[in-house]
Amino acid sequence: MKASEMRDKTEAELKALLLDKRKEQFNLRMQRGAGQQVRASEVRTARQDIARIKTVLGQKKTGGA
């Protein structure tokens, strides 16, 4: 999801999305730890999405963007 799409969402929706992405990241880490094949691109995408969401939340909190 792009940052511009995230800016259109409310703060509550972003927090829910952040929770979902963190759960996804946790599940990917557990799969990797259990020895299952996990695509590195999935892990990277989850991490980047979390960073985007946190950035947009911070911007909304400070009144930027």
PDB file of N, CA and C in Angstrom:
ATOM      1  N   MET A   1       0.845  -1.171   0.000  1.00  0.00           N
ATOM      2  CA  MET A   1       0.000   0.000   0.000  1.00  0.00           C
ATOM      3  C   MET A   1       0.895   1.239   0.000  1.00  0.00           C
ATOM      4  N   LYS A   2       0.499   2.227  -0.760  1.00  0.00           N
ATOM      5  CA  LYS A   2       1.279   3.448  -0.865  1.00  0.00           C
ATOM      6  C   LYS A   2       0.972   4.393   0.288  1.00  0.00           C
ATOM      7  N   ALA A   3       1.930   5.262   0.581  1.00  0.00           N
ATOM      8  CA  ALA A   3       1.747   6.217   1.666  1.00  0.00           C
ATOM      9  C   ALA A   3       0.596   7.172   1.359  1.00  0.00           C
ATOM     10  N   SER A   4       0.421   7.522   0.094  1.00  0.00           N
ATOM     11  CA  SER A   4      -0.680   8.431  -0.260  1.00  0.00           C
ATOM     12  C   SER A   4      -2.037   7.797   0.037  1.00  0.00           C
ATOM     13  N   GLU A   5      -2.151   6.493  -0.134  1.00  0.00           N
ATOM     14  CA  GLU A   5      -3.394   5.803   0.196  1.00  0.00           C
ATOM     15  C   GLU A   5      -3.596   5.760   1.709  1.00  0.00           C
ATOM     16  N   MET A   6      -2.505   5.655   2.454  1.00  0.00           N
ATOM     17  CA  MET A   6      -2.594   5.591   3.910  1.00  0.00           C
ATOM     18  C   MET A   6      -3.004   6.927   4.503  1.00  0.00           C
ATOM     19  N   ARG A   7      -2.620   8.010   3.847  1.00  0.00           N
ATOM     20  CA  ARG A   7      -2.957   9.337   4.365  1.00  0.00           C
ATOM     21  C   ARG A   7      -4.454   9.594   4.326  1.00  0.00           C
ATOM     22  N   ASP A   8      -5.170   8.871   3.476  1.00  0.00           N
ATOM     23  CA  ASP A   8      -6.618   9.039   3.380  1.00  0.00           C
ATOM     24  C   ASP A   8      -7.361   8.307   4.496  1.00  0.00           C
ATOM     25  N   LYS A   9      -6.684   7.416   5.190  1.00  0.00           N
ATOM     26  CA  LYS A   9      -7.318   6.629   6.249  1.00  0.00           C
ATOM     27  C   LYS A   9      -7.304   7.395   7.567  1.00  0.00           C
ATOM     28  N   THR A  10      -8.208   7.002   8.462  1.00  0.00           N
ATOM     29  CA  THR A  10      -8.252   7.625   9.784  1.00  0.00           C
ATOM     30  C   THR A  10      -7.159   7.014  10.652  1.00  0.00           C
ATOM     31  N   GLU A  11      -6.933   7.652  11.789  1.00  0.00           N
ATOM     32  CA  GLU A  11      -5.898   7.180  12.705  1.00  0.00           C
ATOM     33  C   GLU A  11      -6.248   5.788  13.250  1.00  0.00           C
ATOM     34  N   ALA A  12      -7.507   5.539  13.518  1.00  0.00           N
ATOM     35  CA  ALA A  12      -7.936   4.231  14.033  1.00  0.00           C
ATOM     36  C   ALA A  12      -7.709   3.138  12.982  1.00  0.00           C
ATOM     37  N   GLU A  13      -8.008   3.461  11.724  1.00  0.00           N
ATOM     38  CA  GLU A  13      -7.790   2.480  10.654  1.00  0.00           C
ATOM     39  C   GLU A  13      -6.308   2.175  10.494  1.00  0.00           C
ATOM     40  N   LEU A  14      -5.471   3.210  10.631  1.00  0.00           N
ATOM     41  CA  LEU A  14      -4.026   3.001  10.510  1.00  0.00           C
ATOM     42  C   LEU A  14      -3.498   2.141  11.655  1.00  0.00           C
ATOM     43  N   LYS A  15      -4.014   2.371  12.857  1.00  0.00           N
ATOM     44  CA  LYS A  15      -3.567   1.564  13.996  1.00  0.00           C
ATOM     45  C   LYS A  15      -3.973   0.098  13.818  1.00  0.00           C
ATOM     46  N   ALA A  16      -5.158  -0.139  13.281  1.00  0.00           N
ATOM     47  CA  ALA A  16      -5.604  -1.508  13.022  1.00  0.00           C
ATOM     48  C   ALA A  16      -4.743  -2.156  11.949  1.00  0.00           C
ATOM     49  N   LEU A  17      -4.410  -1.381  10.919  1.00  0.00           N
ATOM     50  CA  LEU A  17      -3.556  -1.881   9.850  1.00  0.00           C
ATOM     51  C   LEU A  17      -2.160  -2.190  10.378  1.00  0.00           C
ATOM     52  N   LEU A  18      -1.654  -1.336  11.272  1.00  0.00           N
ATOM     53  CA  LEU A  18      -0.344  -1.557  11.873  1.00  0.00           C
ATOM     54  C   LEU A  18      -0.334  -2.858  12.675  1.00  0.00           C
ATOM     55  N   LEU A  19      -1.395  -3.095  13.417  1.00  0.00           N
ATOM     56  CA  LEU A  19      -1.497  -4.331  14.193  1.00  0.00           C
ATOM     57  C   LEU A  19      -1.486  -5.557  13.279  1.00  0.00           C
ATOM     58  N   ASP A  20      -2.224  -5.483  12.179  1.00  0.00           N
ATOM     59  CA  ASP A  20      -2.256  -6.588  11.221  1.00  0.00           C
ATOM     60  C   ASP A  20      -0.877  -6.855  10.632  1.00  0.00           C
ATOM     61  N   LYS A  21      -0.174  -5.794  10.271  1.00  0.00           N
ATOM     62  CA  LYS A  21       1.153  -5.945   9.661  1.00  0.00           C
ATOM     63  C   LYS A  21       2.160  -6.495  10.661  1.00  0.00           C
ATOM     64  N   ARG A  22       2.038  -6.088  11.925  1.00  0.00           N
ATOM     65  CA  ARG A  22       2.943  -6.627  12.949  1.00  0.00           C
ATOM     66  C   ARG A  22       2.680  -8.109  13.175  1.00  0.00           C
ATOM     67  N   LYS A  23       1.404  -8.503  13.132  1.00  0.00           N
ATOM     68  CA  LYS A  23       1.069  -9.930  13.267  1.00  0.00           C
ATOM     69  C   LYS A  23       1.638 -10.716  12.084  1.00  0.00           C
ATOM     70  N   GLU A  24       1.522 -10.135  10.895  1.00  0.00           N
ATOM     71  CA  GLU A  24       2.065 -10.788   9.705  1.00  0.00           C
ATOM     72  C   GLU A  24       3.585 -10.946   9.824  1.00  0.00           C
ATOM     73  N   GLN A  25       4.249  -9.901  10.298  1.00  0.00           N
ATOM     74  CA  GLN A  25       5.698  -9.958  10.469  1.00  0.00           C
ATOM     75  C   GLN A  25       6.076 -11.028  11.503  1.00  0.00           C
ATOM     76  N   PHE A  26       5.329 -11.089  12.591  1.00  0.00           N
ATOM     77  CA  PHE A  26       5.592 -12.090  13.626  1.00  0.00           C
ATOM     78  C   PHE A  26       5.425 -13.500  13.064  1.00  0.00           C
ATOM     79  N   ASN A  27       4.346 -13.722  12.315  1.00  0.00           N
ATOM     80  CA  ASN A  27       4.105 -15.040  11.740  1.00  0.00           C
ATOM     81  C   ASN A  27       5.208 -15.431  10.762  1.00  0.00           C
ATOM     82  N   LEU A  28       5.695 -14.485   9.980  1.00  0.00           N
ATOM     83  CA  LEU A  28       6.792 -14.773   9.057  1.00  0.00           C
ATOM     84  C   LEU A  28       8.066 -15.138   9.814  1.00  0.00           C
ATOM     85  N   ARG A  29       8.321 -14.435  10.925  1.00  0.00           N
ATOM     86  CA  ARG A  29       9.499 -14.750  11.739  1.00  0.00           C
ATOM     87  C   ARG A  29       9.381 -16.143  12.343  1.00  0.00           C
ATOM     88  N   MET A  30       8.184 -16.495  12.803  1.00  0.00           N
ATOM     89  CA  MET A  30       7.980 -17.818  13.397  1.00  0.00           C
ATOM     90  C   MET A  30       8.134 -18.913  12.343  1.00  0.00           C
ATOM     91  N   GLN A  31       7.647 -18.663  11.142  1.00  0.00           N
ATOM     92  CA  GLN A  31       7.805 -19.641  10.067  1.00  0.00           C
ATOM     93  C   GLN A  31       9.280 -19.847   9.746  1.00  0.00           C
ATOM     94  N   ARG A  32      10.023 -18.756   9.695  1.00  0.00           N
ATOM     95  CA  ARG A  32      11.450 -18.856   9.416  1.00  0.00           C
ATOM     96  C   ARG A  32      12.156 -19.618  10.537  1.00  0.00           C
ATOM     97  N   GLY A  33      11.763 -19.351  11.780  1.00  0.00           N
ATOM     98  CA  GLY A  33      12.364 -20.015  12.927  1.00  0.00           C
ATOM     99  C   GLY A  33      12.048 -21.506  12.964  1.00  0.00           C
ATOM    100  N   ALA A  34      10.902 -21.885  12.426  1.00  0.00           N
ATOM    101  CA  ALA A  34      10.495 -23.288  12.399  1.00  0.00           C
ATOM    102  C   ALA A  34      11.136 -24.031  11.230  1.00  0.00           C
ATOM    103  N   GLY A  35      11.873 -23.317  10.407  1.00  0.00           N
ATOM    104  CA  GLY A  35      12.567 -23.968   9.304  1.00  0.00           C
ATOM    105  C   GLY A  35      11.787 -24.011   8.010  1.00  0.00           C
ATOM    106  N   GLN A  36      10.646 -23.321   7.968  1.00  0.00           N
ATOM    107  CA  GLN A  36       9.864 -23.297   6.740  1.00  0.00           C
ATOM    108  C   GLN A  36      10.457 -22.278   5.771  1.00  0.00           C
ATOM    109  N   GLN A  37      10.163 -22.474   4.508  1.00  0.00           N
ATOM    110  CA  GLN A  37      10.623 -21.541   3.494  1.00  0.00           C
ATOM    111  C   GLN A  37       9.792 -20.269   3.572  1.00  0.00           C
ATOM    112  N   VAL A  38      10.457 -19.145   3.706  1.00  0.00           N
ATOM    113  CA  VAL A  38       9.785 -17.851   3.726  1.00  0.00           C
ATOM    114  C   VAL A  38      10.498 -16.957   2.722  1.00  0.00           C
ATOM    115  N   ARG A  39       9.718 -16.329   1.868  1.00  0.00           N
ATOM    116  CA  ARG A  39      10.323 -15.432   0.893  1.00  0.00           C
ATOM    117  C   ARG A  39      10.833 -14.184   1.586  1.00  0.00           C
ATOM    118  N   ALA A  40      12.063 -13.822   1.297  1.00  0.00           N
ATOM    119  CA  ALA A  40      12.662 -12.627   1.889  1.00  0.00           C
ATOM    120  C   ALA A  40      11.888 -11.382   1.478  1.00  0.00           C
ATOM    121  N   SER A  41      11.300 -11.417   0.298  1.00  0.00           N
ATOM    122  CA  SER A  41      10.553 -10.248  -0.171  1.00  0.00           C
ATOM    123  C   SER A  41       9.313  -9.999   0.685  1.00  0.00           C
ATOM    124  N   GLU A  42       8.704 -11.061   1.214  1.00  0.00           N
ATOM    125  CA  GLU A  42       7.537 -10.900   2.079  1.00  0.00           C
ATOM    126  C   GLU A  42       7.930 -10.235   3.392  1.00  0.00           C
ATOM    127  N   VAL A  43       9.066 -10.657   3.947  1.00  0.00           N
ATOM    128  CA  VAL A  43       9.553 -10.082   5.198  1.00  0.00           C
ATOM    129  C   VAL A  43       9.878  -8.606   4.989  1.00  0.00           C
ATOM    130  N   ARG A  44      10.539  -8.314   3.893  1.00  0.00           N
ATOM    131  CA  ARG A  44      10.932  -6.940   3.579  1.00  0.00           C
ATOM    132  C   ARG A  44       9.703  -6.056   3.370  1.00  0.00           C
ATOM    133  N   THR A  45       8.720  -6.556   2.652  1.00  0.00           N
ATOM    134  CA  THR A  45       7.508  -5.789   2.395  1.00  0.00           C
ATOM    135  C   THR A  45       6.755  -5.498   3.691  1.00  0.00           C
ATOM    136  N   ALA A  46       6.682  -6.472   4.577  1.00  0.00           N
ATOM    137  CA  ALA A  46       6.002  -6.270   5.855  1.00  0.00           C
ATOM    138  C   ALA A  46       6.716  -5.187   6.663  1.00  0.00           C
ATOM    139  N   ARG A  47       8.048  -5.245   6.688  1.00  0.00           N
ATOM    140  CA  ARG A  47       8.829  -4.249   7.418  1.00  0.00           C
ATOM    141  C   ARG A  47       8.636  -2.850   6.842  1.00  0.00           C
ATOM    142  N   GLN A  48       8.637  -2.753   5.529  1.00  0.00           N
ATOM    143  CA  GLN A  48       8.470  -1.455   4.875  1.00  0.00           C
ATOM    144  C   GLN A  48       7.067  -0.898   5.108  1.00  0.00           C
ATOM    145  N   ASP A  49       6.062  -1.758   5.067  1.00  0.00           N
ATOM    146  CA  ASP A  49       4.691  -1.299   5.318  1.00  0.00           C
ATOM    147  C   ASP A  49       4.541  -0.769   6.741  1.00  0.00           C
ATOM    148  N   ILE A  50       5.166  -1.453   7.698  1.00  0.00           N
ATOM    149  CA  ILE A  50       5.120  -1.007   9.086  1.00  0.00           C
ATOM    150  C   ILE A  50       5.763   0.374   9.207  1.00  0.00           C
ATOM    151  N   ALA A  51       6.893   0.562   8.542  1.00  0.00           N
ATOM    152  CA  ALA A  51       7.571   1.859   8.589  1.00  0.00           C
ATOM    153  C   ALA A  51       6.717   2.952   7.953  1.00  0.00           C
ATOM    154  N   ARG A  52       6.059   2.638   6.839  1.00  0.00           N
ATOM    155  CA  ARG A  52       5.189   3.623   6.182  1.00  0.00           C
ATOM    156  C   ARG A  52       4.031   4.028   7.088  1.00  0.00           C
ATOM    157  N   ILE A  53       3.416   3.040   7.723  1.00  0.00           N
ATOM    158  CA  ILE A  53       2.281   3.322   8.600  1.00  0.00           C
ATOM    159  C   ILE A  53       2.723   4.195   9.772  1.00  0.00           C
ATOM    160  N   LYS A  54       3.867   3.860  10.376  1.00  0.00           N
ATOM    161  CA  LYS A  54       4.369   4.650  11.497  1.00  0.00           C
ATOM    162  C   LYS A  54       4.687   6.079  11.068  1.00  0.00           C
ATOM    163  N   THR A  55       5.224   6.239   9.878  1.00  0.00           N
ATOM    164  CA  THR A  55       5.541   7.571   9.360  1.00  0.00           C
ATOM    165  C   THR A  55       4.274   8.391   9.195  1.00  0.00           C
ATOM    166  N   VAL A  56       3.253   7.806   8.577  1.00  0.00           N
ATOM    167  CA  VAL A  56       1.999   8.524   8.350  1.00  0.00           C
ATOM    168  C   VAL A  56       1.324   8.856   9.683  1.00  0.00           C
ATOM    169  N   LEU A  57       1.362   7.926  10.634  1.00  0.00           N
ATOM    170  CA  LEU A  57       0.787   8.200  11.968  1.00  0.00           C
ATOM    171  C   LEU A  57       1.503   9.365  12.626  1.00  0.00           C
ATOM    172  N   GLY A  58       2.814   9.396  12.514  1.00  0.00           N
ATOM    173  CA  GLY A  58       3.591  10.498  13.089  1.00  0.00           C
ATOM    174  C   GLY A  58       3.270  11.817  12.433  1.00  0.00           C
ATOM    175  N   GLN A  59       3.097  11.799  11.125  1.00  0.00           N
ATOM    176  CA  GLN A  59       2.744  13.014  10.403  1.00  0.00           C
ATOM    177  C   GLN A  59       1.369  13.518  10.814  1.00  0.00           C
ATOM    178  N   LYS A  60       0.435  12.603  10.997  1.00  0.00           N
ATOM    179  CA  LYS A  60      -0.914  12.997  11.400  1.00  0.00           C
ATOM    180  C   LYS A  60      -0.887  13.594  12.818  1.00  0.00           C
ATOM    181  N   LYS A  61      -0.053  13.005  13.680  1.00  0.00           N
ATOM    182  CA  LYS A  61       0.018  13.454  15.056  1.00  0.00           C
ATOM    183  C   LYS A  61       0.610  14.874  15.149  1.00  0.00           C
ATOM    184  N   THR A  62       1.614  15.163  14.314  1.00  0.00           N
ATOM    185  CA  THR A  62       2.264  16.474  14.375  1.00  0.00           C
ATOM    186  C   THR A  62       1.579  17.492  13.480  1.00  0.00           C
ATOM    187  N   GLY A  63       0.636  17.065  12.695  1.00  0.00           N
ATOM    188  CA  GLY A  63      -0.098  17.981  11.830  1.00  0.00           C
ATOM    189  C   GLY A  63       0.540  18.159  10.460  1.00  0.00           C
ATOM    190  N   GLY A  64       1.587  17.416  10.163  1.00  0.00           N
ATOM    191  CA  GLY A  64       2.220  17.493   8.851  1.00  0.00           C
ATOM    192  C   GLY A  64       1.439  16.720   7.828  1.00  0.00           C
ATOM    193  N   ALA A  65       1.750  16.933   6.575  1.00  0.00           N
ATOM    194  CA  ALA A  65       1.117  16.242   5.417  1.00  0.00           C
ATOM    195  C   ALA A  65      -0.339  16.491   5.418  1.00  0.00           C
TER     196      ALA A  65
END
